[in-house]
Amino acid sequence: MDDFFADIDKQIERLGGGWAAYLVRALWDHPMGLDRQLVIDAVLEDALDRGRPVPPSFEGTIQATFQQHNSASNVFRASADSDIFEFVGGKGSGVWGLHRARALAWMAANGRTCDFERRPRAGKPTCAARRSPE
């Protein structure tokens, strides 16, 4: 597994097992966005491949996670410049997208560091755990 995605997964599990990292994984290689159902299918496949249990209301759970991190959503509660997901083509377009730089900043704020300049595979930045100063 790519180290970049492994770091995303470790971070989100440490934060309580949320689904945002799976959405980042699904959207990372799609800078123009991806159809909502394709994203949900990719997240489901990824979760099942890892043996992660999925809730009976899986699709609603993924939709809610996306909306909690999207400033165009009515449930978003942070500053508009801190969202990590977007509706490509506007709300209701059915196309979900990722603000890559904001997603990386969100990871860094939660204990991960990522370097845009080091891209060992497929354009993905190198990410690592933040080290405490000694």
C-alpha atoms as a PDB file:
ATOM      1  CA  MET A   1       0.000   0.000   0.000  1.00  0.00           C
ATOM      2  CA  ASP A   2       1.185   3.472  -0.794  1.00  0.00           C
ATOM      3  CA  ASP A   3       2.727   5.198   2.261  1.00  0.00           C
ATOM      4  CA  PHE A   4       0.685   8.340   1.607  1.00  0.00           C
ATOM      5  CA  PHE A   5      -2.601   6.490   1.950  1.00  0.00           C
ATOM      6  CA  ALA A   6      -1.323   4.443   4.880  1.00  0.00           C
ATOM      7  CA  ASP A   7      -0.591   7.685   6.720  1.00  0.00           C
ATOM      8  CA  ILE A   8      -4.060   9.039   5.981  1.00  0.00           C
ATOM      9  CA  ASP A   9      -5.635   5.864   7.330  1.00  0.00           C
ATOM     10  CA  LYS A  10      -3.559   5.855  10.516  1.00  0.00           C
ATOM     11  CA  GLN A  11      -4.464   9.473  11.172  1.00  0.00           C
ATOM     12  CA  ILE A  12      -8.191   9.084  10.750  1.00  0.00           C
ATOM     13  CA  GLU A  13      -8.299   5.927  12.865  1.00  0.00           C
ATOM     14  CA  ARG A  14      -6.490   7.803  15.618  1.00  0.00           C
ATOM     15  CA  LEU A  15      -9.141  10.517  15.379  1.00  0.00           C
ATOM     16  CA  GLY A  16     -11.973   8.093  16.065  1.00  0.00           C
ATOM     17  CA  GLY A  17     -12.386   5.951  12.997  1.00  0.00           C
ATOM     18  CA  GLY A  18     -14.138   8.481  10.786  1.00  0.00           C
ATOM     19  CA  TRP A  19     -14.596   8.087   7.061  1.00  0.00           C
ATOM     20  CA  ALA A  20     -12.962  11.316   5.810  1.00  0.00           C
ATOM     21  CA  ALA A  21      -9.655   9.601   5.047  1.00  0.00           C
ATOM     22  CA  TYR A  22     -11.401   7.106   2.835  1.00  0.00           C
ATOM     23  CA  LEU A  23     -12.987   9.986   0.937  1.00  0.00           C
ATOM     24  CA  VAL A  24      -9.569  11.631   0.536  1.00  0.00           C
ATOM     25  CA  ARG A  25      -8.211   8.333  -0.808  1.00  0.00           C
ATOM     26  CA  ALA A  26     -11.086   7.945  -3.254  1.00  0.00           C
ATOM     27  CA  LEU A  27     -10.815  11.512  -4.560  1.00  0.00           C
ATOM     28  CA  TRP A  28      -7.031  12.068  -4.549  1.00  0.00           C
ATOM     29  CA  ASP A  29      -6.415  10.898  -8.121  1.00  0.00           C
ATOM     30  CA  HIS A  30      -9.395  12.817  -9.527  1.00  0.00           C
ATOM     31  CA  PRO A  31      -8.517  16.533  -9.629  1.00  0.00           C
ATOM     32  CA  MET A  32     -11.664  17.266 -11.671  1.00  0.00           C
ATOM     33  CA  GLY A  33     -13.852  15.407  -9.202  1.00  0.00           C
ATOM     34  CA  LEU A  34     -15.710  12.128  -9.410  1.00  0.00           C
ATOM     35  CA  ASP A  35     -19.348  11.097  -9.585  1.00  0.00           C
ATOM     36  CA  ARG A  36     -20.824  10.771  -6.082  1.00  0.00           C
ATOM     37  CA  GLN A  37     -21.830   7.122  -6.524  1.00  0.00           C
ATOM     38  CA  LEU A  38     -18.377   6.179  -7.829  1.00  0.00           C
ATOM     39  CA  VAL A  39     -16.830   7.792  -4.746  1.00  0.00           C
ATOM     40  CA  ILE A  40     -19.170   5.915  -2.418  1.00  0.00           C
ATOM     41  CA  ASP A  41     -18.446   2.648  -4.257  1.00  0.00           C
ATOM     42  CA  ALA A  42     -14.679   3.247  -4.007  1.00  0.00           C
ATOM     43  CA  VAL A  43     -14.924   3.956  -0.268  1.00  0.00           C
ATOM     44  CA  LEU A  44     -17.002   0.806   0.251  1.00  0.00           C
ATOM     45  CA  GLU A  45     -14.566  -1.348  -1.718  1.00  0.00           C
ATOM     46  CA  ASP A  46     -11.622   0.098   0.207  1.00  0.00           C
ATOM     47  CA  ALA A  47     -13.321  -0.498   3.563  1.00  0.00           C
ATOM     48  CA  LEU A  48     -14.277  -4.079   2.690  1.00  0.00           C
ATOM     49  CA  ASP A  49     -10.762  -4.811   1.393  1.00  0.00           C
ATOM     50  CA  ARG A  50      -9.410  -3.726   4.783  1.00  0.00           C
ATOM     51  CA  GLY A  51     -11.969  -5.717   6.720  1.00  0.00           C
ATOM     52  CA  ARG A  52     -13.527  -2.597   8.168  1.00  0.00           C
ATOM     53  CA  PRO A  53     -17.137  -3.044   9.259  1.00  0.00           C
ATOM     54  CA  VAL A  54     -19.589  -0.831   7.404  1.00  0.00           C
ATOM     55  CA  PRO A  55     -22.775   0.514   8.970  1.00  0.00           C
ATOM     56  CA  PRO A  56     -26.187  -0.451   7.555  1.00  0.00           C
ATOM     57  CA  SER A  57     -26.649   3.193   6.574  1.00  0.00           C
ATOM     58  CA  PHE A  58     -23.271   3.271   4.804  1.00  0.00           C
ATOM     59  CA  GLU A  59     -24.238   5.599   1.949  1.00  0.00           C
ATOM     60  CA  GLY A  60     -25.791   8.107   4.365  1.00  0.00           C
ATOM     61  CA  THR A  61     -22.730   7.908   6.599  1.00  0.00           C
ATOM     62  CA  ILE A  62     -20.406   8.739   3.698  1.00  0.00           C
ATOM     63  CA  GLN A  63     -22.714  11.545   2.529  1.00  0.00           C
ATOM     64  CA  ALA A  64     -22.764  13.015   6.065  1.00  0.00           C
ATOM     65  CA  THR A  65     -18.964  12.816   6.331  1.00  0.00           C
ATOM     66  CA  PHE A  66     -18.584  14.606   3.001  1.00  0.00           C
ATOM     67  CA  GLN A  67     -20.995  17.330   4.081  1.00  0.00           C
ATOM     68  CA  GLN A  68     -19.313  17.838   7.456  1.00  0.00           C
ATOM     69  CA  HIS A  69     -16.137  18.784   5.573  1.00  0.00           C
ATOM     70  CA  ASN A  70     -17.767  20.865   2.797  1.00  0.00           C
ATOM     71  CA  SER A  71     -18.507  24.564   3.270  1.00  0.00           C
ATOM     72  CA  ALA A  72     -21.380  24.492   0.753  1.00  0.00           C
ATOM     73  CA  SER A  73     -23.258  22.147   3.071  1.00  0.00           C
ATOM     74  CA  ASN A  74     -25.715  23.344   5.707  1.00  0.00           C
ATOM     75  CA  VAL A  75     -24.051  21.145   8.353  1.00  0.00           C
ATOM     76  CA  PHE A  76     -20.523  22.545   7.871  1.00  0.00           C
ATOM     77  CA  ARG A  77     -19.444  24.464  11.007  1.00  0.00           C
ATOM     78  CA  ALA A  78     -15.843  25.583  10.389  1.00  0.00           C
ATOM     79  CA  SER A  79     -14.465  28.519   8.396  1.00  0.00           C
ATOM     80  CA  ALA A  80     -15.156  28.330   4.651  1.00  0.00           C
ATOM     81  CA  ASP A  81     -11.454  28.170   3.819  1.00  0.00           C
ATOM     82  CA  SER A  82     -10.953  25.036   5.927  1.00  0.00           C
ATOM     83  CA  ASP A  83     -13.238  22.653   4.061  1.00  0.00           C
ATOM     84  CA  ILE A  84     -11.545  19.714   2.371  1.00  0.00           C
ATOM     85  CA  PHE A  85     -14.317  18.572   0.021  1.00  0.00           C
ATOM     86  CA  GLU A  86     -16.329  20.412  -2.610  1.00  0.00           C
ATOM     87  CA  PHE A  87     -19.266  19.982  -4.956  1.00  0.00           C
ATOM     88  CA  VAL A  88     -17.592  20.231  -8.374  1.00  0.00           C
ATOM     89  CA  GLY A  89     -20.000  22.066 -10.642  1.00  0.00           C
ATOM     90  CA  GLY A  90     -22.009  23.337  -7.673  1.00  0.00           C
ATOM     91  CA  LYS A  91     -24.252  21.868  -5.040  1.00  0.00           C
ATOM     92  CA  GLY A  92     -26.480  19.166  -6.485  1.00  0.00           C
ATOM     93  CA  SER A  93     -24.146  18.449  -9.414  1.00  0.00           C
ATOM     94  CA  GLY A  94     -23.494  14.917  -8.199  1.00  0.00           C
ATOM     95  CA  VAL A  95     -19.755  15.401  -8.625  1.00  0.00           C
ATOM     96  CA  TRP A  96     -17.590  15.411  -5.521  1.00  0.00           C
ATOM     97  CA  GLY A  97     -14.121  16.919  -5.362  1.00  0.00           C
ATOM     98  CA  LEU A  98     -11.172  17.342  -3.033  1.00  0.00           C
ATOM     99  CA  HIS A  99      -9.280  20.497  -2.056  1.00  0.00           C
ATOM    100  CA  ARG A 100      -5.885  18.777  -1.982  1.00  0.00           C
ATOM    101  CA  ALA A 101      -3.934  21.524  -0.229  1.00  0.00           C
ATOM    102  CA  ARG A 102      -6.630  21.905   2.421  1.00  0.00           C
ATOM    103  CA  ALA A 103      -6.792  18.149   2.925  1.00  0.00           C
ATOM    104  CA  LEU A 104      -3.043  18.102   3.525  1.00  0.00           C
ATOM    105  CA  ALA A 105      -3.329  21.067   5.919  1.00  0.00           C
ATOM    106  CA  TRP A 106      -6.122  19.242   7.750  1.00  0.00           C
ATOM    107  CA  MET A 107      -3.884  16.190   8.053  1.00  0.00           C
ATOM    108  CA  ALA A 108      -1.004  18.308   9.326  1.00  0.00           C
ATOM    109  CA  ALA A 109      -3.241  19.975  11.908  1.00  0.00           C
ATOM    110  CA  ASN A 110      -4.131  16.513  13.140  1.00  0.00           C
ATOM    111  CA  GLY A 111      -0.617  15.193  13.545  1.00  0.00           C
ATOM    112  CA  ARG A 112       0.568  14.489   9.995  1.00  0.00           C
ATOM    113  CA  THR A 113       3.062  16.346   7.857  1.00  0.00           C
ATOM    114  CA  CYS A 114       3.109  16.213   4.067  1.00  0.00           C
ATOM    115  CA  ASP A 115       5.597  17.516   1.534  1.00  0.00           C
ATOM    116  CA  PHE A 116       4.322  18.558  -1.902  1.00  0.00           C
ATOM    117  CA  GLU A 117       7.872  18.601  -3.272  1.00  0.00           C
ATOM    118  CA  ARG A 118       8.628  14.924  -2.609  1.00  0.00           C
ATOM    119  CA  ARG A 119       6.434  12.847  -4.871  1.00  0.00           C
ATOM    120  CA  PRO A 120       7.795   9.320  -5.047  1.00  0.00           C
ATOM    121  CA  ARG A 121       4.777   7.682  -6.703  1.00  0.00           C
ATOM    122  CA  ALA A 122       1.885   8.839  -8.854  1.00  0.00           C
ATOM    123  CA  GLY A 123       2.126  12.489  -7.809  1.00  0.00           C
ATOM    124  CA  LYS A 124       1.258  11.772  -4.185  1.00  0.00           C
ATOM    125  CA  PRO A 125       3.069  13.808  -1.543  1.00  0.00           C
ATOM    126  CA  THR A 126       5.159  12.110   1.093  1.00  0.00           C
ATOM    127  CA  CYS A 127       3.516  12.200   4.519  1.00  0.00           C
ATOM    128  CA  ALA A 128       4.885  11.271   7.914  1.00  0.00           C
ATOM    129  CA  ALA A 129       3.993  11.535  11.590  1.00  0.00           C
ATOM    130  CA  ARG A 130       4.873  14.870  13.114  1.00  0.00           C
ATOM    131  CA  ARG A 131       7.832  14.502  15.438  1.00  0.00           C
ATOM    132  CA  SER A 132       7.840  16.126  18.842  1.00  0.00           C
ATOM    133  CA  PRO A 133      10.739  18.494  19.479  1.00  0.00           C
ATOM    134  CA  GLU A 134      13.281  16.907  21.802  1.00  0.00           C
END
